[in-house]
């Protein structure tokens, strides 16, 4: 149900385009401009990071997400969760939790001491997912123009 993919594969690119389009629409309703930046594929190749596709029972890509190495934080080596997305019709099945958990395990295996992410306050379901996964709100660690909330989770090398 999860498989590694290049972030610039046609299937990944299509899912990311859907994700960005949905965010553009969501931001437009708030009179905010959403800045689209397709990810650099080199940042999602181990050990710099990884990008995963979520597949349905037929093997069709229905979601994606990745982690990428960013500068060390107060706890040491730090990876950032990026582009966590599931098509709307697939939500509520636990696939987002599964994807986030797998990304966390991969960050841990790559030596991460901390996993961080940024999001927008309008993404309430995402905030609930992050809280349930043990993430806590933190002060901004970047200047992402699309973000209004920042989260972190300390990782142990076991588990």
N, C-alpha and C. Protein backbone atom coordinates (compact mmCIF):
# COMPACT_ATOMS: atom_id res chain seq x y z
N UNK A 1 0.81 -1.19 0.00
CA UNK A 1 0.00 0.00 0.00
C UNK A 1 0.86 1.26 0.00
N UNK A 2 2.10 1.18 0.48
CA UNK A 2 3.05 2.29 0.39
C UNK A 2 4.23 1.85 -0.46
N UNK A 3 4.70 2.74 -1.31
CA UNK A 3 5.90 2.43 -2.08
C UNK A 3 6.70 3.70 -2.29
N UNK A 4 8.01 3.50 -2.34
CA UNK A 4 8.89 4.64 -2.63
C UNK A 4 8.70 5.05 -4.07
N UNK A 5 8.85 6.34 -4.32
CA UNK A 5 8.71 6.89 -5.66
C UNK A 5 9.62 8.09 -5.81
N UNK A 6 10.00 8.37 -7.02
CA UNK A 6 10.66 9.64 -7.30
C UNK A 6 9.60 10.72 -7.20
N UNK A 7 9.96 11.84 -6.62
CA UNK A 7 9.01 12.93 -6.46
C UNK A 7 8.60 13.53 -7.81
N UNK A 8 9.40 13.28 -8.85
CA UNK A 8 9.06 13.82 -10.16
C UNK A 8 8.54 12.75 -11.14
N UNK A 9 8.15 11.58 -10.62
CA UNK A 9 7.52 10.59 -11.49
C UNK A 9 6.18 11.19 -11.96
N UNK A 10 5.68 10.77 -13.12
CA UNK A 10 4.41 11.32 -13.60
C UNK A 10 3.28 11.16 -12.58
N UNK A 11 3.19 10.01 -11.92
CA UNK A 11 2.12 9.78 -10.95
C UNK A 11 2.26 10.69 -9.73
N UNK A 12 3.49 10.83 -9.21
CA UNK A 12 3.73 11.71 -8.07
C UNK A 12 3.46 13.16 -8.45
N UNK A 13 3.92 13.55 -9.63
CA UNK A 13 3.71 14.93 -10.09
C UNK A 13 2.21 15.24 -10.19
N UNK A 14 1.43 14.29 -10.69
CA UNK A 14 -0.02 14.49 -10.82
C UNK A 14 -0.67 14.66 -9.44
N UNK A 15 -0.28 13.83 -8.48
CA UNK A 15 -0.83 13.96 -7.13
C UNK A 15 -0.43 15.27 -6.48
N UNK A 16 0.82 15.66 -6.66
CA UNK A 16 1.27 16.94 -6.11
C UNK A 16 0.52 18.11 -6.75
N UNK A 17 0.27 18.02 -8.05
CA UNK A 17 -0.48 19.07 -8.73
C UNK A 17 -1.91 19.16 -8.15
N UNK A 18 -2.54 18.01 -7.89
CA UNK A 18 -3.86 17.99 -7.26
C UNK A 18 -3.81 18.65 -5.89
N UNK A 19 -2.80 18.27 -5.11
CA UNK A 19 -2.63 18.84 -3.77
C UNK A 19 -2.47 20.35 -3.84
N UNK A 20 -1.58 20.82 -4.69
CA UNK A 20 -1.34 22.25 -4.80
C UNK A 20 -2.60 22.99 -5.26
N UNK A 21 -3.33 22.39 -6.19
CA UNK A 21 -4.56 23.01 -6.68
C UNK A 21 -5.59 23.12 -5.55
N UNK A 22 -5.71 22.06 -4.75
CA UNK A 22 -6.66 22.10 -3.63
C UNK A 22 -6.28 23.17 -2.63
N UNK A 23 -4.98 23.34 -2.40
CA UNK A 23 -4.54 24.39 -1.46
C UNK A 23 -4.78 25.77 -2.05
N UNK A 24 -4.55 25.92 -3.35
CA UNK A 24 -4.83 27.21 -4.00
C UNK A 24 -6.29 27.60 -3.79
N UNK A 25 -7.19 26.66 -4.02
CA UNK A 25 -8.62 26.93 -3.85
C UNK A 25 -8.95 27.25 -2.40
N UNK A 26 -8.40 26.48 -1.48
CA UNK A 26 -8.65 26.72 -0.06
C UNK A 26 -8.14 28.07 0.40
N UNK A 27 -6.97 28.45 -0.08
CA UNK A 27 -6.41 29.75 0.29
C UNK A 27 -7.20 30.88 -0.35
N UNK A 28 -7.68 30.69 -1.58
CA UNK A 28 -8.44 31.73 -2.27
C UNK A 28 -9.70 32.10 -1.49
N UNK A 29 -10.33 31.11 -0.87
CA UNK A 29 -11.53 31.37 -0.06
C UNK A 29 -11.20 32.22 1.16
N UNK A 30 -9.93 32.27 1.52
CA UNK A 30 -9.50 33.06 2.66
C UNK A 30 -8.81 34.36 2.21
N UNK A 31 -8.89 34.63 0.91
CA UNK A 31 -8.22 35.81 0.34
C UNK A 31 -6.72 35.81 0.61
N UNK A 32 -6.12 34.62 0.51
CA UNK A 32 -4.69 34.44 0.71
C UNK A 32 -4.13 33.79 -0.55
N UNK A 33 -2.96 34.19 -0.95
CA UNK A 33 -2.31 33.60 -2.12
C UNK A 33 -1.46 32.42 -1.66
N UNK A 34 -1.63 31.29 -2.33
CA UNK A 34 -0.85 30.09 -2.05
C UNK A 34 0.32 30.04 -3.03
N UNK A 35 1.51 29.89 -2.51
CA UNK A 35 2.72 29.83 -3.33
C UNK A 35 3.04 28.38 -3.66
N UNK A 36 3.04 28.05 -4.96
CA UNK A 36 3.32 26.68 -5.39
C UNK A 36 4.80 26.52 -5.70
N UNK A 37 5.40 25.51 -5.10
CA UNK A 37 6.78 25.16 -5.38
C UNK A 37 6.87 23.64 -5.45
N UNK A 38 7.06 23.11 -6.65
CA UNK A 38 7.24 21.66 -6.77
C UNK A 38 8.58 21.28 -6.14
N UNK A 39 8.62 20.16 -5.44
CA UNK A 39 9.83 19.77 -4.72
C UNK A 39 10.98 19.38 -5.63
N UNK A 40 12.19 19.64 -5.14
CA UNK A 40 13.41 19.24 -5.81
C UNK A 40 13.59 17.73 -5.61
N UNK A 41 13.61 16.94 -6.68
CA UNK A 41 13.71 15.48 -6.54
C UNK A 41 14.94 15.03 -5.74
N UNK A 42 16.03 15.74 -5.82
CA UNK A 42 17.25 15.33 -5.12
C UNK A 42 17.08 15.35 -3.60
N UNK A 43 16.13 16.13 -3.10
CA UNK A 43 15.92 16.23 -1.66
C UNK A 43 15.13 15.05 -1.10
N UNK A 44 14.63 14.19 -1.98
CA UNK A 44 13.79 13.07 -1.55
C UNK A 44 14.39 11.73 -1.96
N UNK A 45 15.72 11.66 -2.00
CA UNK A 45 16.45 10.44 -2.27
C UNK A 45 17.29 10.13 -1.03
N UNK A 46 17.16 8.93 -0.45
CA UNK A 46 17.94 8.59 0.75
C UNK A 46 19.43 8.81 0.53
N UNK A 47 20.17 9.32 1.50
CA UNK A 47 19.73 9.65 2.86
C UNK A 47 19.19 11.07 3.02
N UNK A 48 19.09 11.84 1.94
CA UNK A 48 18.57 13.21 2.04
C UNK A 48 17.08 13.22 2.37
N UNK A 49 16.38 12.17 1.99
CA UNK A 49 14.95 12.09 2.25
C UNK A 49 14.34 10.92 1.52
N UNK A 50 13.03 10.88 1.51
CA UNK A 50 12.31 9.82 0.82
C UNK A 50 10.92 10.36 0.47
N UNK A 51 10.37 9.85 -0.62
CA UNK A 51 9.02 10.21 -1.03
C UNK A 51 8.23 8.93 -1.23
N UNK A 52 7.03 8.90 -0.69
CA UNK A 52 6.21 7.70 -0.73
C UNK A 52 4.88 7.97 -1.43
N UNK A 53 4.42 6.96 -2.12
CA UNK A 53 3.09 6.97 -2.73
C UNK A 53 2.20 6.03 -1.92
N UNK A 54 0.96 6.44 -1.69
CA UNK A 54 -0.07 5.59 -1.10
C UNK A 54 -0.87 5.01 -2.25
N UNK A 55 -1.00 3.68 -2.27
CA UNK A 55 -1.75 3.01 -3.33
C UNK A 55 -3.02 2.40 -2.76
N UNK A 56 -4.09 2.43 -3.55
CA UNK A 56 -5.32 1.75 -3.16
C UNK A 56 -5.19 0.26 -3.49
N UNK A 57 -6.26 -0.48 -3.30
CA UNK A 57 -6.22 -1.93 -3.51
C UNK A 57 -5.94 -2.32 -4.95
N UNK A 58 -6.16 -1.41 -5.89
CA UNK A 58 -5.89 -1.69 -7.30
C UNK A 58 -4.49 -1.25 -7.72
N UNK A 59 -3.72 -0.70 -6.78
CA UNK A 59 -2.37 -0.26 -7.09
C UNK A 59 -2.29 1.14 -7.68
N UNK A 60 -3.39 1.89 -7.60
CA UNK A 60 -3.42 3.26 -8.10
C UNK A 60 -2.94 4.21 -7.02
N UNK A 61 -2.07 5.15 -7.39
CA UNK A 61 -1.61 6.14 -6.44
C UNK A 61 -2.74 7.08 -6.05
N UNK A 62 -3.02 7.16 -4.75
CA UNK A 62 -4.10 8.00 -4.25
C UNK A 62 -3.62 9.00 -3.20
N UNK A 63 -2.34 8.98 -2.92
CA UNK A 63 -1.78 9.90 -1.93
C UNK A 63 -0.28 9.86 -1.95
N UNK A 64 0.30 10.79 -1.21
CA UNK A 64 1.75 10.87 -1.19
C UNK A 64 2.22 11.66 0.02
N UNK A 65 3.51 11.61 0.23
CA UNK A 65 4.15 12.38 1.29
C UNK A 65 5.62 12.05 1.33
N UNK A 66 6.38 12.92 1.93
CA UNK A 66 7.81 12.69 2.00
C UNK A 66 8.43 13.31 3.22
N UNK A 67 9.70 13.01 3.39
CA UNK A 67 10.52 13.66 4.39
C UNK A 67 11.79 14.11 3.70
N UNK A 68 12.33 15.21 4.20
CA UNK A 68 13.60 15.71 3.68
C UNK A 68 14.45 16.22 4.83
N UNK A 69 15.74 16.05 4.67
CA UNK A 69 16.71 16.51 5.67
C UNK A 69 16.76 18.03 5.62
N UNK A 70 16.70 18.65 6.80
CA UNK A 70 16.86 20.10 6.90
C UNK A 70 17.96 20.37 7.93
N UNK A 71 18.39 21.60 8.10
CA UNK A 71 19.45 21.86 9.08
C UNK A 71 19.09 21.35 10.47
N UNK A 72 20.11 20.90 11.19
CA UNK A 72 19.93 20.38 12.54
C UNK A 72 19.19 21.38 13.41
N UNK A 73 18.42 20.83 14.34
CA UNK A 73 17.70 21.65 15.32
C UNK A 73 18.31 21.45 16.69
N UNK A 74 17.63 21.91 17.72
CA UNK A 74 18.15 21.80 19.09
C UNK A 74 18.40 20.36 19.53
N UNK A 75 17.66 19.40 18.94
CA UNK A 75 17.82 18.00 19.34
C UNK A 75 18.81 17.25 18.45
N UNK A 76 19.28 17.91 17.38
CA UNK A 76 20.20 17.25 16.46
C UNK A 76 19.61 17.10 15.07
N UNK A 77 19.93 15.97 14.43
CA UNK A 77 19.51 15.72 13.04
C UNK A 77 17.99 15.83 12.91
N UNK A 78 17.56 16.56 11.89
CA UNK A 78 16.13 16.88 11.77
C UNK A 78 15.65 16.66 10.33
N UNK A 79 14.51 15.99 10.21
CA UNK A 79 13.83 15.80 8.93
C UNK A 79 12.49 16.52 9.00
N UNK A 80 12.04 16.95 7.82
CA UNK A 80 10.78 17.68 7.72
C UNK A 80 9.79 16.87 6.89
N UNK A 81 8.56 16.73 7.37
CA UNK A 81 7.48 16.10 6.63
C UNK A 81 6.96 17.11 5.61
N UNK A 82 6.81 16.66 4.36
CA UNK A 82 6.34 17.56 3.30
C UNK A 82 5.29 16.85 2.44
N UNK A 83 4.36 17.64 1.95
CA UNK A 83 3.42 17.24 0.90
C UNK A 83 2.59 16.00 1.25
N UNK A 84 2.14 15.94 2.50
CA UNK A 84 1.26 14.85 2.93
C UNK A 84 -0.12 15.09 2.32
N UNK A 85 -0.55 14.20 1.45
CA UNK A 85 -1.81 14.41 0.73
C UNK A 85 -2.47 13.08 0.43
N UNK A 86 -3.78 13.05 0.61
CA UNK A 86 -4.61 11.93 0.18
C UNK A 86 -5.79 12.50 -0.60
N UNK A 87 -6.13 11.83 -1.69
CA UNK A 87 -7.32 12.26 -2.44
C UNK A 87 -8.52 12.26 -1.49
N UNK A 88 -9.40 13.25 -1.62
CA UNK A 88 -10.53 13.37 -0.68
C UNK A 88 -11.35 12.10 -0.53
N UNK A 89 -11.59 11.38 -1.61
CA UNK A 89 -12.43 10.19 -1.52
C UNK A 89 -11.77 9.04 -0.76
N UNK A 90 -10.49 9.15 -0.44
CA UNK A 90 -9.79 8.08 0.28
C UNK A 90 -9.58 8.41 1.75
N UNK A 91 -9.98 9.58 2.17
CA UNK A 91 -9.73 10.00 3.55
C UNK A 91 -10.66 9.27 4.51
N UNK A 92 -10.20 9.17 5.77
CA UNK A 92 -10.99 8.50 6.79
C UNK A 92 -10.75 7.01 6.89
N UNK A 93 -9.78 6.50 6.15
CA UNK A 93 -9.48 5.07 6.16
C UNK A 93 -8.23 4.72 6.97
N UNK A 94 -7.60 5.74 7.56
CA UNK A 94 -6.39 5.51 8.34
C UNK A 94 -5.12 5.55 7.51
N UNK A 95 -5.24 5.86 6.22
CA UNK A 95 -4.07 5.87 5.36
C UNK A 95 -3.14 7.04 5.67
N UNK A 96 -3.69 8.16 6.11
CA UNK A 96 -2.85 9.30 6.50
C UNK A 96 -2.00 8.94 7.72
N UNK A 97 -2.61 8.29 8.71
CA UNK A 97 -1.86 7.83 9.90
C UNK A 97 -0.78 6.84 9.49
N UNK A 98 -1.15 5.91 8.59
CA UNK A 98 -0.19 4.91 8.13
C UNK A 98 1.00 5.59 7.44
N UNK A 99 0.71 6.54 6.56
CA UNK A 99 1.77 7.25 5.83
C UNK A 99 2.65 8.03 6.78
N UNK A 100 2.05 8.79 7.69
CA UNK A 100 2.84 9.58 8.63
C UNK A 100 3.70 8.68 9.52
N UNK A 101 3.14 7.57 9.97
CA UNK A 101 3.90 6.62 10.81
C UNK A 101 5.09 6.05 10.04
N UNK A 102 4.87 5.67 8.79
CA UNK A 102 5.96 5.11 7.99
C UNK A 102 7.05 6.15 7.75
N UNK A 103 6.65 7.39 7.47
CA UNK A 103 7.65 8.46 7.27
C UNK A 103 8.45 8.68 8.55
N UNK A 104 7.77 8.62 9.69
CA UNK A 104 8.46 8.76 10.97
C UNK A 104 9.48 7.64 11.17
N UNK A 105 9.09 6.41 10.86
CA UNK A 105 10.01 5.28 11.00
C UNK A 105 11.22 5.43 10.07
N UNK A 106 10.99 5.91 8.88
CA UNK A 106 12.09 6.12 7.94
C UNK A 106 13.02 7.24 8.41
N UNK A 107 12.45 8.30 8.98
CA UNK A 107 13.28 9.38 9.53
C UNK A 107 14.14 8.84 10.66
N UNK A 108 13.53 8.04 11.51
CA UNK A 108 14.26 7.44 12.63
C UNK A 108 15.40 6.56 12.10
N UNK A 109 15.13 5.76 11.07
CA UNK A 109 16.15 4.88 10.49
C UNK A 109 17.28 5.68 9.84
N UNK A 110 16.97 6.89 9.38
CA UNK A 110 17.99 7.76 8.78
C UNK A 110 18.75 8.57 9.83
N UNK A 111 18.45 8.32 11.10
CA UNK A 111 19.19 8.97 12.18
C UNK A 111 18.59 10.26 12.69
N UNK A 112 17.33 10.51 12.39
CA UNK A 112 16.70 11.74 12.85
C UNK A 112 16.48 11.73 14.35
N UNK A 113 16.75 12.86 14.97
CA UNK A 113 16.44 13.06 16.38
C UNK A 113 15.08 13.74 16.53
N UNK A 114 14.66 14.40 15.44
CA UNK A 114 13.42 15.17 15.48
C UNK A 114 12.78 15.19 14.10
N UNK A 115 11.45 15.17 14.11
CA UNK A 115 10.67 15.30 12.89
C UNK A 115 9.83 16.56 13.04
N UNK A 116 9.87 17.43 12.04
CA UNK A 116 9.13 18.68 12.10
C UNK A 116 8.26 18.81 10.86
N UNK A 117 7.30 19.72 10.93
CA UNK A 117 6.47 20.03 9.77
C UNK A 117 5.81 21.37 9.99
N UNK A 118 5.37 21.94 8.86
CA UNK A 118 4.58 23.16 8.94
C UNK A 118 3.28 22.92 8.20
N UNK A 119 2.26 23.69 8.56
CA UNK A 119 0.95 23.54 7.94
C UNK A 119 0.20 24.86 8.07
N UNK A 120 -1.02 24.86 7.59
CA UNK A 120 -1.86 26.05 7.66
C UNK A 120 -3.00 25.79 8.65
N UNK A 121 -3.39 26.79 9.39
CA UNK A 121 -4.43 26.61 10.42
C UNK A 121 -5.77 26.15 9.85
N UNK A 122 -6.01 26.35 8.56
CA UNK A 122 -7.28 25.92 7.97
C UNK A 122 -7.35 24.41 7.77
N UNK A 123 -6.23 23.71 7.88
CA UNK A 123 -6.20 22.26 7.69
C UNK A 123 -6.43 21.56 9.03
N UNK A 124 -7.66 21.62 9.50
CA UNK A 124 -7.97 21.12 10.84
C UNK A 124 -7.81 19.60 10.96
N UNK A 125 -8.15 18.85 9.91
CA UNK A 125 -7.99 17.40 9.97
C UNK A 125 -6.50 17.04 10.06
N UNK A 126 -5.67 17.78 9.34
CA UNK A 126 -4.22 17.54 9.40
C UNK A 126 -3.71 17.83 10.81
N UNK A 127 -4.18 18.92 11.41
CA UNK A 127 -3.74 19.26 12.77
C UNK A 127 -4.13 18.15 13.75
N UNK A 128 -5.31 17.58 13.58
CA UNK A 128 -5.76 16.49 14.45
C UNK A 128 -4.87 15.25 14.25
N UNK A 129 -4.52 14.97 13.00
CA UNK A 129 -3.63 13.85 12.70
C UNK A 129 -2.28 14.04 13.39
N UNK A 130 -1.71 15.22 13.27
CA UNK A 130 -0.40 15.49 13.86
C UNK A 130 -0.45 15.39 15.38
N UNK A 131 -1.49 15.93 15.99
CA UNK A 131 -1.63 15.85 17.45
C UNK A 131 -1.76 14.39 17.89
N UNK A 132 -2.56 13.60 17.18
CA UNK A 132 -2.74 12.19 17.52
C UNK A 132 -1.45 11.41 17.35
N UNK A 133 -0.58 11.86 16.45
CA UNK A 133 0.70 11.18 16.22
C UNK A 133 1.80 11.65 17.18
N UNK A 134 1.47 12.55 18.10
CA UNK A 134 2.43 12.97 19.10
C UNK A 134 3.22 14.23 18.78
N UNK A 135 2.81 14.96 17.76
CA UNK A 135 3.47 16.22 17.43
C UNK A 135 2.94 17.32 18.34
N UNK A 136 3.83 18.26 18.69
CA UNK A 136 3.47 19.41 19.51
C UNK A 136 3.75 20.69 18.74
N UNK A 137 2.99 21.73 19.02
CA UNK A 137 3.23 23.01 18.35
C UNK A 137 4.55 23.60 18.83
N UNK A 138 5.24 24.24 17.90
CA UNK A 138 6.52 24.89 18.20
C UNK A 138 6.54 26.26 17.54
N UNK A 139 7.57 27.02 17.85
CA UNK A 139 7.79 28.30 17.18
C UNK A 139 8.21 28.02 15.74
N UNK A 140 7.98 28.95 14.83
CA UNK A 140 8.37 28.73 13.42
C UNK A 140 9.85 28.40 13.28
N UNK A 141 10.15 27.41 12.46
CA UNK A 141 11.53 27.04 12.16
C UNK A 141 11.91 27.42 10.73
N UNK A 142 10.94 27.96 9.97
CA UNK A 142 11.21 28.37 8.60
C UNK A 142 10.35 29.59 8.26
N UNK A 143 10.47 30.05 7.03
CA UNK A 143 9.69 31.22 6.61
C UNK A 143 8.72 30.86 5.48
N UNK A 144 8.17 29.64 5.52
CA UNK A 144 7.23 29.18 4.50
C UNK A 144 6.03 30.14 4.46
N UNK A 145 5.80 30.78 3.30
CA UNK A 145 4.69 31.74 3.22
C UNK A 145 3.31 31.09 3.32
N UNK A 146 3.23 29.77 3.14
CA UNK A 146 1.96 29.06 3.21
C UNK A 146 1.64 28.55 4.62
N UNK A 147 2.57 28.65 5.54
CA UNK A 147 2.41 28.06 6.87
C UNK A 147 1.96 29.09 7.90
N UNK A 148 1.12 28.61 8.81
CA UNK A 148 0.72 29.42 9.96
C UNK A 148 0.91 28.65 11.27
N UNK A 149 1.25 27.36 11.16
CA UNK A 149 1.50 26.54 12.34
C UNK A 149 2.69 25.62 12.06
N UNK A 150 3.45 25.36 13.14
CA UNK A 150 4.65 24.52 13.04
C UNK A 150 4.58 23.49 14.15
N UNK A 151 5.03 22.27 13.84
CA UNK A 151 4.96 21.16 14.78
C UNK A 151 6.29 20.41 14.81
N UNK A 152 6.53 19.72 15.93
CA UNK A 152 7.73 18.90 16.06
C UNK A 152 7.42 17.68 16.91
N UNK A 153 8.23 16.65 16.69
CA UNK A 153 8.16 15.43 17.49
C UNK A 153 9.57 14.92 17.69
N UNK A 154 9.96 14.77 18.94
CA UNK A 154 11.26 14.19 19.24
C UNK A 154 11.19 12.69 18.95
N UNK A 155 12.25 12.17 18.34
CA UNK A 155 12.29 10.75 17.99
C UNK A 155 13.36 10.05 18.80
N UNK A 156 13.03 8.87 19.22
CA UNK A 156 14.05 8.02 19.86
C UNK A 156 14.56 7.08 18.79
N UNK A 157 15.65 6.42 19.05
CA UNK A 157 16.22 5.51 18.05
C UNK A 157 15.58 4.13 18.13
N UNK A 158 14.66 3.93 19.06
CA UNK A 158 13.93 2.66 19.14
C UNK A 158 12.47 2.93 18.86
N UNK A 159 11.74 1.90 18.46
CA UNK A 159 10.30 2.02 18.34
C UNK A 159 9.83 2.16 16.98
